[in-house]
Amino acid sequence: MLMVLALGVSSVQAKTVEVNLGTDAGMLAFEPSDINISAGDTIKFVNNKLAPHNAIFEGHDELSHSDLAFAPGESWEKTFSTAGSYDFYCEPHRGAGMVGTVVVN
């Protein structure tokens, strides 16, 4: 009986989604800019093109990364544990439209 119960339980693995800071085409944008994840998932922000970049989450200092990334490939990760919608932007390039949204289910 225990074996049947154990086989019936599926383990859900948390995933990591990679977001480029600056597109391969050289645009000032997050790629992707709209991210849908589940609670417990992680986003890995990777500096790509046209540095410097960071990611500021409006009203969520605990998720924000205010330090500027200058080196190509420089990265950091944030794990999202609470469902909701989180708007974010790159501080130096917000005026250029470098913004995004994370939706956590």
N, C-alpha and C. Protein backbone atom coordinates (compact mmCIF):
# COMPACT_ATOMS: atom_id res chain seq x y z
N MET A 1 0.83 -1.19 0.00
CA MET A 1 0.00 0.00 0.00
C MET A 1 0.87 1.25 0.00
N LEU A 2 1.91 1.26 0.77
CA LEU A 2 2.79 2.42 0.79
C LEU A 2 3.44 2.66 -0.57
N MET A 3 3.79 1.59 -1.25
CA MET A 3 4.41 1.72 -2.56
C MET A 3 3.47 2.39 -3.56
N VAL A 4 2.22 2.04 -3.50
CA VAL A 4 1.22 2.64 -4.39
C VAL A 4 1.10 4.13 -4.10
N LEU A 5 1.09 4.50 -2.84
CA LEU A 5 1.01 5.92 -2.48
C LEU A 5 2.25 6.67 -2.95
N ALA A 6 3.40 6.09 -2.79
CA ALA A 6 4.63 6.75 -3.20
C ALA A 6 4.68 6.96 -4.70
N LEU A 7 4.17 6.00 -5.47
CA LEU A 7 4.17 6.13 -6.92
C LEU A 7 3.14 7.16 -7.39
N GLY A 8 2.11 7.38 -6.59
CA GLY A 8 1.08 8.33 -6.97
C GLY A 8 1.44 9.77 -6.69
N VAL A 9 2.52 10.00 -5.98
CA VAL A 9 2.95 11.36 -5.64
C VAL A 9 3.95 11.84 -6.69
N SER A 10 3.64 12.94 -7.30
CA SER A 10 4.59 13.50 -8.27
C SER A 10 5.31 14.68 -7.63
N SER A 11 6.59 14.74 -7.83
CA SER A 11 7.35 15.85 -7.27
C SER A 11 7.46 16.93 -8.34
N VAL A 12 7.11 18.12 -7.96
CA VAL A 12 7.17 19.26 -8.88
C VAL A 12 8.51 19.96 -8.63
N GLN A 13 9.29 20.04 -9.68
CA GLN A 13 10.60 20.67 -9.57
C GLN A 13 10.48 22.17 -9.85
N ALA A 14 11.11 22.96 -9.00
CA ALA A 14 11.16 24.39 -9.26
C ALA A 14 12.05 24.60 -10.48
N LYS A 15 11.72 25.60 -11.28
CA LYS A 15 12.50 25.84 -12.48
C LYS A 15 13.20 27.19 -12.40
N THR A 16 14.19 27.37 -13.26
CA THR A 16 14.90 28.64 -13.37
C THR A 16 14.72 29.15 -14.79
N VAL A 17 14.25 30.39 -14.89
CA VAL A 17 14.04 31.05 -16.18
C VAL A 17 15.14 32.08 -16.34
N GLU A 18 15.80 32.07 -17.50
CA GLU A 18 16.88 33.02 -17.76
C GLU A 18 16.33 34.23 -18.51
N VAL A 19 16.71 35.41 -18.05
CA VAL A 19 16.31 36.67 -18.68
C VAL A 19 17.56 37.44 -19.05
N ASN A 20 17.70 37.77 -20.34
CA ASN A 20 18.85 38.56 -20.80
C ASN A 20 18.60 40.04 -20.54
N LEU A 21 19.64 40.72 -20.11
CA LEU A 21 19.61 42.16 -19.92
C LEU A 21 20.24 42.77 -21.16
N GLY A 22 19.40 43.28 -22.06
CA GLY A 22 19.86 43.72 -23.37
C GLY A 22 19.72 42.56 -24.34
N THR A 23 19.12 42.83 -25.51
CA THR A 23 18.86 41.75 -26.47
C THR A 23 20.08 41.45 -27.32
N ASP A 24 20.10 40.28 -27.92
CA ASP A 24 21.18 39.91 -28.84
C ASP A 24 21.28 40.90 -30.00
N ALA A 25 20.15 41.50 -30.37
CA ALA A 25 20.12 42.47 -31.48
C ALA A 25 20.57 43.85 -31.04
N GLY A 26 20.92 44.00 -29.75
CA GLY A 26 21.43 45.28 -29.26
C GLY A 26 20.37 46.26 -28.82
N MET A 27 19.19 45.77 -28.49
CA MET A 27 18.12 46.65 -28.01
C MET A 27 18.15 46.74 -26.50
N LEU A 28 17.75 47.89 -25.97
CA LEU A 28 17.65 48.09 -24.53
C LEU A 28 16.33 47.50 -24.05
N ALA A 29 16.35 46.21 -23.77
CA ALA A 29 15.14 45.50 -23.35
C ALA A 29 15.54 44.25 -22.58
N PHE A 30 14.61 43.80 -21.74
CA PHE A 30 14.74 42.49 -21.11
C PHE A 30 14.24 41.47 -22.11
N GLU A 31 14.90 40.33 -22.20
CA GLU A 31 14.48 39.29 -23.14
C GLU A 31 14.43 37.95 -22.43
N PRO A 32 13.22 37.40 -22.11
CA PRO A 32 11.91 37.98 -22.36
C PRO A 32 11.59 39.07 -21.34
N SER A 33 10.60 39.90 -21.66
CA SER A 33 10.20 40.98 -20.75
C SER A 33 8.95 40.61 -19.95
N ASP A 34 8.17 39.67 -20.45
CA ASP A 34 6.99 39.18 -19.72
C ASP A 34 7.24 37.72 -19.37
N ILE A 35 7.31 37.46 -18.06
CA ILE A 35 7.70 36.14 -17.57
C ILE A 35 6.57 35.57 -16.72
N ASN A 36 6.15 34.35 -17.00
CA ASN A 36 5.14 33.65 -16.20
C ASN A 36 5.81 32.45 -15.53
N ILE A 37 5.77 32.43 -14.20
CA ILE A 37 6.40 31.36 -13.44
C ILE A 37 5.45 30.90 -12.33
N SER A 38 5.86 29.86 -11.64
CA SER A 38 5.12 29.37 -10.48
C SER A 38 5.85 29.77 -9.21
N ALA A 39 5.12 29.84 -8.11
CA ALA A 39 5.74 30.14 -6.82
C ALA A 39 6.84 29.12 -6.56
N GLY A 40 8.00 29.61 -6.13
CA GLY A 40 9.15 28.75 -5.87
C GLY A 40 10.15 28.74 -7.02
N ASP A 41 9.74 29.26 -8.19
CA ASP A 41 10.65 29.33 -9.34
C ASP A 41 11.61 30.49 -9.18
N THR A 42 12.70 30.42 -9.94
CA THR A 42 13.77 31.41 -9.87
C THR A 42 13.97 32.06 -11.23
N ILE A 43 14.30 33.33 -11.22
CA ILE A 43 14.70 34.02 -12.44
C ILE A 43 16.18 34.33 -12.33
N LYS A 44 16.92 33.97 -13.38
CA LYS A 44 18.34 34.29 -13.46
C LYS A 44 18.49 35.42 -14.47
N PHE A 45 18.91 36.59 -13.98
CA PHE A 45 19.15 37.74 -14.83
C PHE A 45 20.60 37.69 -15.30
N VAL A 46 20.81 37.76 -16.63
CA VAL A 46 22.15 37.65 -17.20
C VAL A 46 22.46 38.90 -18.03
N ASN A 47 23.54 39.60 -17.69
CA ASN A 47 23.95 40.78 -18.44
C ASN A 47 24.37 40.36 -19.84
N ASN A 48 23.79 40.98 -20.86
CA ASN A 48 24.03 40.56 -22.23
C ASN A 48 24.67 41.68 -23.06
N LYS A 49 23.92 42.72 -23.37
CA LYS A 49 24.40 43.78 -24.25
C LYS A 49 24.08 45.16 -23.68
N LEU A 50 24.87 46.14 -24.07
CA LEU A 50 24.65 47.56 -23.76
C LEU A 50 24.57 47.84 -22.26
N ALA A 51 25.53 47.34 -21.51
CA ALA A 51 25.59 47.56 -20.07
C ALA A 51 25.77 49.06 -19.78
N PRO A 52 25.49 49.48 -18.55
CA PRO A 52 25.18 48.69 -17.36
C PRO A 52 23.68 48.47 -17.20
N HIS A 53 23.34 47.38 -16.49
CA HIS A 53 21.94 47.05 -16.23
C HIS A 53 21.75 46.61 -14.79
N ASN A 54 20.51 46.73 -14.33
CA ASN A 54 20.08 46.16 -13.06
C ASN A 54 18.60 45.81 -13.20
N ALA A 55 17.97 45.38 -12.13
CA ALA A 55 16.54 45.07 -12.16
C ALA A 55 15.93 45.54 -10.84
N ILE A 56 15.07 46.55 -10.95
CA ILE A 56 14.39 47.11 -9.79
C ILE A 56 12.92 46.72 -9.85
N PHE A 57 12.44 46.06 -8.80
CA PHE A 57 11.04 45.65 -8.71
C PHE A 57 10.30 46.68 -7.88
N GLU A 58 9.33 47.34 -8.51
CA GLU A 58 8.60 48.41 -7.84
C GLU A 58 7.91 47.91 -6.59
N GLY A 59 8.25 48.54 -5.45
CA GLY A 59 7.64 48.19 -4.18
C GLY A 59 8.14 46.90 -3.57
N HIS A 60 9.21 46.33 -4.13
CA HIS A 60 9.74 45.05 -3.62
C HIS A 60 11.27 45.10 -3.56
N ASP A 61 11.77 45.79 -2.55
CA ASP A 61 13.22 45.89 -2.37
C ASP A 61 13.88 44.53 -2.23
N GLU A 62 13.14 43.55 -1.65
CA GLU A 62 13.71 42.22 -1.43
C GLU A 62 13.97 41.48 -2.74
N LEU A 63 13.30 41.88 -3.81
CA LEU A 63 13.50 41.25 -5.12
C LEU A 63 14.44 42.05 -6.01
N SER A 64 14.62 43.32 -5.68
CA SER A 64 15.42 44.21 -6.52
C SER A 64 16.91 43.92 -6.42
N HIS A 65 17.60 44.21 -7.51
CA HIS A 65 19.06 44.12 -7.57
C HIS A 65 19.55 45.47 -8.08
N SER A 66 19.90 46.36 -7.15
CA SER A 66 20.24 47.73 -7.53
C SER A 66 21.67 47.89 -8.04
N ASP A 67 22.55 46.93 -7.72
CA ASP A 67 23.92 47.00 -8.23
C ASP A 67 23.91 46.88 -9.74
N LEU A 68 24.74 47.67 -10.41
CA LEU A 68 24.81 47.64 -11.86
C LEU A 68 25.73 46.53 -12.35
N ALA A 69 25.28 45.79 -13.34
CA ALA A 69 26.09 44.75 -13.98
C ALA A 69 26.77 45.37 -15.19
N PHE A 70 28.09 45.29 -15.24
CA PHE A 70 28.86 45.85 -16.35
C PHE A 70 29.43 44.77 -17.26
N ALA A 71 29.89 43.67 -16.67
CA ALA A 71 30.58 42.63 -17.44
C ALA A 71 29.60 41.72 -18.16
N PRO A 72 29.90 41.36 -19.42
CA PRO A 72 29.06 40.39 -20.13
C PRO A 72 29.02 39.07 -19.36
N GLY A 73 27.82 38.51 -19.22
CA GLY A 73 27.68 37.25 -18.51
C GLY A 73 27.47 37.38 -17.02
N GLU A 74 27.70 38.57 -16.47
CA GLU A 74 27.46 38.79 -15.04
C GLU A 74 26.00 38.49 -14.75
N SER A 75 25.72 37.81 -13.63
CA SER A 75 24.34 37.39 -13.38
C SER A 75 24.01 37.38 -11.89
N TRP A 76 22.72 37.30 -11.62
CA TRP A 76 22.21 37.12 -10.27
C TRP A 76 20.87 36.41 -10.39
N GLU A 77 20.42 35.83 -9.28
CA GLU A 77 19.16 35.08 -9.28
C GLU A 77 18.24 35.58 -8.18
N LYS A 78 16.95 35.53 -8.46
CA LYS A 78 15.91 35.87 -7.48
C LYS A 78 14.84 34.78 -7.54
N THR A 79 14.46 34.28 -6.37
CA THR A 79 13.41 33.27 -6.27
C THR A 79 12.13 33.95 -5.80
N PHE A 80 11.02 33.60 -6.46
CA PHE A 80 9.73 34.21 -6.18
C PHE A 80 8.85 33.20 -5.45
N SER A 81 8.48 33.52 -4.21
CA SER A 81 7.73 32.56 -3.40
C SER A 81 6.26 32.93 -3.23
N THR A 82 5.88 34.16 -3.60
CA THR A 82 4.52 34.62 -3.40
C THR A 82 3.85 34.93 -4.74
N ALA A 83 2.65 34.39 -4.93
CA ALA A 83 1.90 34.66 -6.16
C ALA A 83 1.60 36.14 -6.29
N GLY A 84 1.58 36.62 -7.53
CA GLY A 84 1.27 38.02 -7.78
C GLY A 84 1.90 38.49 -9.06
N SER A 85 1.73 39.78 -9.34
CA SER A 85 2.30 40.41 -10.52
C SER A 85 3.34 41.41 -10.06
N TYR A 86 4.54 41.35 -10.63
CA TYR A 86 5.65 42.18 -10.20
C TYR A 86 6.23 42.92 -11.40
N ASP A 87 6.10 44.26 -11.39
CA ASP A 87 6.67 45.08 -12.45
C ASP A 87 8.11 45.42 -12.10
N PHE A 88 8.98 45.38 -13.11
CA PHE A 88 10.38 45.71 -12.88
C PHE A 88 10.94 46.53 -14.04
N TYR A 89 12.09 47.16 -13.78
CA TYR A 89 12.74 47.99 -14.79
C TYR A 89 14.24 48.05 -14.54
N CYS A 90 14.96 48.44 -15.59
CA CYS A 90 16.40 48.71 -15.49
C CYS A 90 16.52 50.19 -15.17
N GLU A 91 17.14 50.50 -14.05
CA GLU A 91 17.23 51.89 -13.59
C GLU A 91 17.85 52.83 -14.64
N PRO A 92 19.02 52.49 -15.23
CA PRO A 92 19.59 53.42 -16.21
C PRO A 92 18.82 53.52 -17.52
N HIS A 93 18.01 52.51 -17.85
CA HIS A 93 17.36 52.47 -19.16
C HIS A 93 15.83 52.44 -19.10
N ARG A 94 15.28 52.79 -17.96
CA ARG A 94 13.81 52.80 -17.82
C ARG A 94 13.18 53.75 -18.85
N GLY A 95 13.78 54.92 -19.03
CA GLY A 95 13.26 55.90 -19.96
C GLY A 95 13.29 55.41 -21.40
N ALA A 96 14.15 54.44 -21.69
CA ALA A 96 14.24 53.86 -23.04
C ALA A 96 13.26 52.70 -23.21
N GLY A 97 12.48 52.41 -22.16
CA GLY A 97 11.48 51.36 -22.24
C GLY A 97 11.95 49.99 -21.78
N MET A 98 13.05 49.94 -21.03
CA MET A 98 13.56 48.64 -20.54
C MET A 98 12.81 48.27 -19.26
N VAL A 99 11.63 47.67 -19.47
CA VAL A 99 10.73 47.31 -18.39
C VAL A 99 10.21 45.89 -18.61
N GLY A 100 9.66 45.31 -17.56
CA GLY A 100 9.11 43.96 -17.69
C GLY A 100 8.14 43.66 -16.56
N THR A 101 7.53 42.48 -16.65
CA THR A 101 6.59 42.02 -15.65
C THR A 101 6.80 40.54 -15.39
N VAL A 102 6.80 40.18 -14.12
CA VAL A 102 6.83 38.78 -13.71
C VAL A 102 5.47 38.45 -13.10
N VAL A 103 4.83 37.40 -13.62
CA VAL A 103 3.57 36.93 -13.04
C VAL A 103 3.86 35.59 -12.39
N VAL A 104 3.60 35.52 -11.08
CA VAL A 104 3.84 34.30 -10.32
C VAL A 104 2.50 33.67 -9.99
N ASN A 105 2.32 32.42 -10.44
CA ASN A 105 1.05 31.70 -10.19
C ASN A 105 1.16 30.87 -8.92
